[in-house]
Amino acid sequence: MTNYKVHLKSTGPIAFGAFINTPKKRGENDHEFEKAQWRERCNVKGGDGPDKDNIIIQPFALKNMLDSAAARLLMRTGKGQKTFKAIFETGVRVMKGIVLPFTRETVKGE
């Protein structure tokens, strides 16, 4: 197995999908609820250590991003019409998530 270290640069906002445990207030519509509780959707690292409350981009989210990018690039591998899509889907594994320098309380929305 070969390990690679990459540097990623964001070109747009990220959307998290963690479950929101907070119940809706009486009479609150979906838009109002989402506006008030969106920070709860951020995935948090957890565990021990100084960064336990920091937001994390999960490894499976990074894997899906890489697979999607490989499929959209349509770059050829040099072996006929094959693209890198299949190679990335079957041969790339993301071992760790990215811990961001933000917590739910400090992250800024759009």
N, C-alpha and C. Protein backbone atom coordinates (compact mmCIF):
# COMPACT_ATOMS: atom_id res chain seq x y z
N MET A 1 0.85 -1.17 0.00
CA MET A 1 0.00 0.00 0.00
C MET A 1 0.89 1.24 0.00
N THR A 2 0.54 2.21 -0.81
CA THR A 2 1.26 3.46 -0.89
C THR A 2 0.42 4.55 -0.23
N ASN A 3 1.06 5.36 0.59
CA ASN A 3 0.36 6.47 1.24
C ASN A 3 0.73 7.77 0.55
N TYR A 4 -0.25 8.65 0.39
CA TYR A 4 -0.03 9.95 -0.19
C TYR A 4 -0.57 11.00 0.77
N LYS A 5 0.09 12.12 0.81
CA LYS A 5 -0.37 13.26 1.60
C LYS A 5 -0.75 14.34 0.59
N VAL A 6 -1.96 14.85 0.72
CA VAL A 6 -2.44 15.84 -0.25
C VAL A 6 -2.83 17.13 0.47
N HIS A 7 -2.82 18.20 -0.28
CA HIS A 7 -3.28 19.50 0.21
C HIS A 7 -4.49 19.89 -0.62
N LEU A 8 -5.59 20.15 0.05
CA LEU A 8 -6.84 20.46 -0.64
C LEU A 8 -7.17 21.93 -0.45
N LYS A 9 -7.79 22.51 -1.46
CA LYS A 9 -8.23 23.89 -1.39
C LYS A 9 -9.72 23.94 -1.72
N SER A 10 -10.47 24.58 -0.86
CA SER A 10 -11.91 24.65 -1.06
C SER A 10 -12.25 25.65 -2.16
N THR A 11 -13.22 25.27 -2.99
CA THR A 11 -13.70 26.18 -4.01
C THR A 11 -15.14 26.61 -3.74
N GLY A 12 -15.71 26.10 -2.66
CA GLY A 12 -17.08 26.45 -2.32
C GLY A 12 -17.41 26.02 -0.90
N PRO A 13 -18.59 26.33 -0.46
CA PRO A 13 -18.98 25.97 0.91
C PRO A 13 -19.21 24.46 1.05
N ILE A 14 -19.13 24.00 2.27
CA ILE A 14 -19.37 22.59 2.58
C ILE A 14 -20.69 22.48 3.33
N ALA A 15 -21.39 21.40 3.11
CA ALA A 15 -22.65 21.17 3.81
C ALA A 15 -22.53 19.89 4.62
N PHE A 16 -22.82 19.95 5.89
CA PHE A 16 -22.77 18.79 6.75
C PHE A 16 -24.17 18.20 6.89
N GLY A 17 -24.25 16.94 7.27
CA GLY A 17 -25.54 16.29 7.35
C GLY A 17 -25.79 15.52 8.64
N ALA A 18 -25.10 15.89 9.72
CA ALA A 18 -25.32 15.19 10.98
C ALA A 18 -26.77 15.39 11.44
N PHE A 19 -27.28 14.42 12.16
CA PHE A 19 -28.65 14.47 12.66
C PHE A 19 -28.80 15.58 13.71
N ILE A 20 -29.88 16.32 13.66
CA ILE A 20 -30.17 17.36 14.64
C ILE A 20 -31.05 16.77 15.73
N ASN A 21 -30.55 16.79 16.97
CA ASN A 21 -31.30 16.23 18.10
C ASN A 21 -32.32 17.19 18.68
N THR A 22 -32.12 18.48 18.48
CA THR A 22 -33.00 19.48 19.05
C THR A 22 -34.38 19.41 18.39
N PRO A 23 -35.44 19.32 19.19
CA PRO A 23 -36.79 19.29 18.59
C PRO A 23 -37.21 20.68 18.12
N LYS A 24 -38.11 20.70 17.14
CA LYS A 24 -38.65 21.97 16.66
C LYS A 24 -39.50 22.61 17.75
N LYS A 25 -39.47 23.95 17.77
CA LYS A 25 -40.34 24.67 18.69
C LYS A 25 -41.74 24.69 18.10
N ARG A 26 -42.69 24.83 18.96
CA ARG A 26 -44.09 24.86 18.51
C ARG A 26 -44.31 26.04 17.56
N GLY A 27 -44.86 25.78 16.39
CA GLY A 27 -45.15 26.81 15.41
C GLY A 27 -43.96 27.18 14.52
N GLU A 28 -42.81 26.55 14.73
CA GLU A 28 -41.61 26.86 13.95
C GLU A 28 -41.65 26.08 12.64
N ASN A 29 -41.44 26.80 11.51
CA ASN A 29 -41.43 26.09 10.23
C ASN A 29 -40.03 25.55 9.94
N ASP A 30 -39.90 24.77 8.87
CA ASP A 30 -38.62 24.12 8.55
C ASP A 30 -37.49 25.13 8.35
N HIS A 31 -37.77 26.22 7.65
CA HIS A 31 -36.75 27.23 7.36
C HIS A 31 -36.26 27.89 8.65
N GLU A 32 -37.17 28.26 9.52
CA GLU A 32 -36.79 28.88 10.80
C GLU A 32 -35.97 27.91 11.66
N PHE A 33 -36.39 26.67 11.68
CA PHE A 33 -35.69 25.66 12.46
C PHE A 33 -34.26 25.46 11.94
N GLU A 34 -34.12 25.34 10.63
CA GLU A 34 -32.80 25.14 10.03
C GLU A 34 -31.90 26.35 10.28
N LYS A 35 -32.45 27.54 10.18
CA LYS A 35 -31.66 28.76 10.42
C LYS A 35 -31.16 28.82 11.86
N ALA A 36 -31.97 28.35 12.79
CA ALA A 36 -31.60 28.40 14.21
C ALA A 36 -30.67 27.26 14.62
N GLN A 37 -30.77 26.11 13.97
CA GLN A 37 -30.06 24.91 14.42
C GLN A 37 -29.00 24.38 13.46
N TRP A 38 -28.63 25.10 12.40
CA TRP A 38 -27.75 24.55 11.37
C TRP A 38 -26.39 24.11 11.91
N ARG A 39 -25.91 24.75 12.96
CA ARG A 39 -24.60 24.38 13.51
C ARG A 39 -24.58 22.95 14.05
N GLU A 40 -25.74 22.46 14.45
CA GLU A 40 -25.82 21.10 14.97
C GLU A 40 -25.55 20.05 13.89
N ARG A 41 -25.67 20.43 12.64
CA ARG A 41 -25.40 19.50 11.53
C ARG A 41 -23.90 19.24 11.34
N CYS A 42 -23.06 20.09 11.91
CA CYS A 42 -21.61 19.91 11.77
C CYS A 42 -21.15 18.68 12.55
N ASN A 43 -20.33 17.85 11.94
CA ASN A 43 -19.77 16.69 12.60
C ASN A 43 -18.62 17.14 13.49
N VAL A 44 -18.56 16.63 14.72
CA VAL A 44 -17.55 17.01 15.69
C VAL A 44 -16.63 15.82 15.94
N LYS A 45 -15.33 16.11 16.12
CA LYS A 45 -14.33 15.05 16.29
C LYS A 45 -14.61 14.17 17.49
N GLY A 46 -14.83 14.75 18.66
CA GLY A 46 -15.07 13.98 19.87
C GLY A 46 -13.79 13.38 20.42
N GLY A 47 -13.91 12.47 21.36
CA GLY A 47 -12.74 11.84 21.97
C GLY A 47 -12.08 12.73 23.00
N ASP A 48 -10.78 12.54 23.18
CA ASP A 48 -10.00 13.34 24.12
C ASP A 48 -9.09 14.29 23.36
N GLY A 49 -8.51 15.21 24.07
CA GLY A 49 -7.55 16.12 23.46
C GLY A 49 -8.10 17.51 23.28
N PRO A 50 -7.22 18.44 22.94
CA PRO A 50 -7.62 19.84 22.85
C PRO A 50 -8.56 20.14 21.67
N ASP A 51 -8.55 19.28 20.65
CA ASP A 51 -9.40 19.53 19.47
C ASP A 51 -10.66 18.66 19.45
N LYS A 52 -11.08 18.15 20.59
CA LYS A 52 -12.22 17.23 20.65
C LYS A 52 -13.54 17.89 20.23
N ASP A 53 -13.63 19.22 20.35
CA ASP A 53 -14.85 19.93 19.97
C ASP A 53 -14.78 20.51 18.55
N ASN A 54 -13.67 20.28 17.86
CA ASN A 54 -13.51 20.82 16.52
C ASN A 54 -14.35 20.07 15.50
N ILE A 55 -14.75 20.77 14.48
CA ILE A 55 -15.52 20.19 13.38
C ILE A 55 -14.59 19.33 12.53
N ILE A 56 -15.10 18.21 12.05
CA ILE A 56 -14.30 17.29 11.24
C ILE A 56 -15.04 16.99 9.94
N ILE A 57 -14.26 16.88 8.87
CA ILE A 57 -14.79 16.36 7.61
C ILE A 57 -14.50 14.86 7.65
N GLN A 58 -15.54 14.06 7.68
CA GLN A 58 -15.42 12.61 7.86
C GLN A 58 -14.66 11.97 6.69
N PRO A 59 -13.92 10.88 6.96
CA PRO A 59 -13.19 10.19 5.89
C PRO A 59 -14.07 9.76 4.72
N PHE A 60 -15.28 9.27 5.00
CA PHE A 60 -16.15 8.82 3.90
C PHE A 60 -16.59 9.99 3.03
N ALA A 61 -16.71 11.18 3.61
CA ALA A 61 -17.06 12.36 2.82
C ALA A 61 -15.91 12.73 1.88
N LEU A 62 -14.68 12.62 2.37
CA LEU A 62 -13.52 12.89 1.53
C LEU A 62 -13.41 11.85 0.42
N LYS A 63 -13.67 10.59 0.73
CA LYS A 63 -13.63 9.52 -0.27
C LYS A 63 -14.67 9.77 -1.36
N ASN A 64 -15.87 10.15 -0.96
CA ASN A 64 -16.92 10.44 -1.95
C ASN A 64 -16.54 11.62 -2.82
N MET A 65 -15.88 12.62 -2.22
CA MET A 65 -15.44 13.79 -2.98
C MET A 65 -14.40 13.40 -4.02
N LEU A 66 -13.44 12.57 -3.62
CA LEU A 66 -12.41 12.14 -4.56
C LEU A 66 -12.99 11.29 -5.68
N ASP A 67 -13.90 10.38 -5.35
CA ASP A 67 -14.55 9.55 -6.38
C ASP A 67 -15.32 10.41 -7.37
N SER A 68 -16.04 11.37 -6.85
CA SER A 68 -16.84 12.25 -7.70
C SER A 68 -15.94 13.10 -8.61
N ALA A 69 -14.85 13.61 -8.06
CA ALA A 69 -13.93 14.42 -8.86
C ALA A 69 -13.29 13.58 -9.96
N ALA A 70 -12.89 12.36 -9.64
CA ALA A 70 -12.28 11.47 -10.64
C ALA A 70 -13.27 11.17 -11.76
N ALA A 71 -14.53 10.99 -11.42
CA ALA A 71 -15.56 10.70 -12.44
C ALA A 71 -15.81 11.90 -13.34
N ARG A 72 -15.75 13.09 -12.78
CA ARG A 72 -16.05 14.30 -13.57
C ARG A 72 -14.89 14.75 -14.44
N LEU A 73 -13.66 14.44 -14.02
CA LEU A 73 -12.50 14.88 -14.80
C LEU A 73 -12.41 14.23 -16.17
N LEU A 74 -12.83 12.98 -16.26
CA LEU A 74 -12.78 12.21 -17.51
C LEU A 74 -11.37 12.09 -18.07
N MET A 75 -10.36 12.16 -17.20
CA MET A 75 -8.97 11.99 -17.64
C MET A 75 -8.72 10.52 -17.96
N ARG A 76 -8.03 10.26 -19.04
CA ARG A 76 -7.73 8.90 -19.47
C ARG A 76 -6.49 8.37 -18.74
N THR A 77 -6.48 7.07 -18.46
CA THR A 77 -5.35 6.45 -17.77
C THR A 77 -4.21 6.12 -18.73
N GLY A 78 -4.47 6.17 -20.02
CA GLY A 78 -3.47 5.77 -21.00
C GLY A 78 -3.69 4.36 -21.49
N LYS A 79 -4.70 3.70 -20.94
CA LYS A 79 -5.03 2.33 -21.35
C LYS A 79 -6.38 2.35 -22.06
N GLY A 80 -6.37 2.77 -23.30
CA GLY A 80 -7.60 2.83 -24.08
C GLY A 80 -8.53 3.94 -23.60
N GLN A 81 -9.80 3.60 -23.43
CA GLN A 81 -10.81 4.58 -23.02
C GLN A 81 -11.00 4.64 -21.50
N LYS A 82 -10.21 3.88 -20.73
CA LYS A 82 -10.38 3.84 -19.28
C LYS A 82 -10.07 5.20 -18.66
N THR A 83 -10.92 5.58 -17.70
CA THR A 83 -10.68 6.80 -16.93
C THR A 83 -10.24 6.43 -15.52
N PHE A 84 -9.91 7.44 -14.72
CA PHE A 84 -9.47 7.20 -13.36
C PHE A 84 -10.61 6.88 -12.40
N LYS A 85 -11.85 6.98 -12.86
CA LYS A 85 -13.01 6.75 -11.99
C LYS A 85 -12.93 5.40 -11.28
N ALA A 86 -12.76 4.33 -12.02
CA ALA A 86 -12.74 2.99 -11.44
C ALA A 86 -11.54 2.80 -10.51
N ILE A 87 -10.41 3.39 -10.88
CA ILE A 87 -9.22 3.28 -10.04
C ILE A 87 -9.46 3.95 -8.69
N PHE A 88 -10.06 5.14 -8.70
CA PHE A 88 -10.33 5.85 -7.45
C PHE A 88 -11.38 5.13 -6.61
N GLU A 89 -12.42 4.62 -7.26
CA GLU A 89 -13.49 3.95 -6.52
C GLU A 89 -13.00 2.68 -5.82
N THR A 90 -12.11 1.95 -6.44
CA THR A 90 -11.69 0.68 -5.86
C THR A 90 -10.32 0.74 -5.19
N GLY A 91 -9.49 1.71 -5.55
CA GLY A 91 -8.11 1.70 -5.06
C GLY A 91 -7.71 2.82 -4.13
N VAL A 92 -8.64 3.69 -3.78
CA VAL A 92 -8.30 4.80 -2.88
C VAL A 92 -9.06 4.63 -1.58
N ARG A 93 -8.34 4.75 -0.49
CA ARG A 93 -8.96 4.67 0.84
C ARG A 93 -8.51 5.89 1.65
N VAL A 94 -9.43 6.57 2.27
CA VAL A 94 -9.11 7.72 3.11
C VAL A 94 -9.06 7.23 4.55
N MET A 95 -7.92 7.39 5.17
CA MET A 95 -7.69 6.82 6.50
C MET A 95 -8.14 7.74 7.64
N LYS A 96 -8.00 9.05 7.45
CA LYS A 96 -8.36 9.99 8.51
C LYS A 96 -9.16 11.15 7.93
N GLY A 97 -10.01 11.70 8.76
CA GLY A 97 -10.75 12.89 8.37
C GLY A 97 -9.90 14.13 8.55
N ILE A 98 -10.42 15.26 8.13
CA ILE A 98 -9.73 16.54 8.29
C ILE A 98 -10.37 17.27 9.46
N VAL A 99 -9.56 17.55 10.47
CA VAL A 99 -10.04 18.32 11.63
C VAL A 99 -9.86 19.79 11.30
N LEU A 100 -10.96 20.51 11.29
CA LEU A 100 -10.94 21.94 10.97
C LEU A 100 -10.67 22.77 12.23
N PRO A 101 -10.15 23.98 12.08
CA PRO A 101 -9.84 24.82 13.24
C PRO A 101 -11.06 25.57 13.79
N PHE A 102 -12.25 25.02 13.60
CA PHE A 102 -13.49 25.66 14.05
C PHE A 102 -14.26 24.72 14.96
N THR A 103 -15.04 25.28 15.84
CA THR A 103 -16.00 24.51 16.65
C THR A 103 -17.39 24.91 16.16
N ARG A 104 -18.40 24.23 16.67
CA ARG A 104 -19.77 24.60 16.31
C ARG A 104 -20.08 26.04 16.67
N GLU A 105 -19.47 26.51 17.76
CA GLU A 105 -19.74 27.86 18.24
C GLU A 105 -19.03 28.93 17.41
N THR A 106 -17.86 28.59 16.81
CA THR A 106 -17.08 29.60 16.09
C THR A 106 -17.23 29.57 14.58
N VAL A 107 -17.86 28.51 14.04
CA VAL A 107 -17.99 28.42 12.58
C VAL A 107 -18.97 29.48 12.08
N LYS A 108 -18.63 30.04 10.92
CA LYS A 108 -19.48 31.08 10.33
C LYS A 108 -20.29 30.50 9.19
N GLY A 109 -21.53 30.93 9.09
CA GLY A 109 -22.40 30.48 8.01
C GLY A 109 -22.33 31.42 6.84
N GLU A 110 -23.08 31.10 5.82
CA GLU A 110 -23.12 31.96 4.63
C GLU A 110 -23.93 33.20 4.89
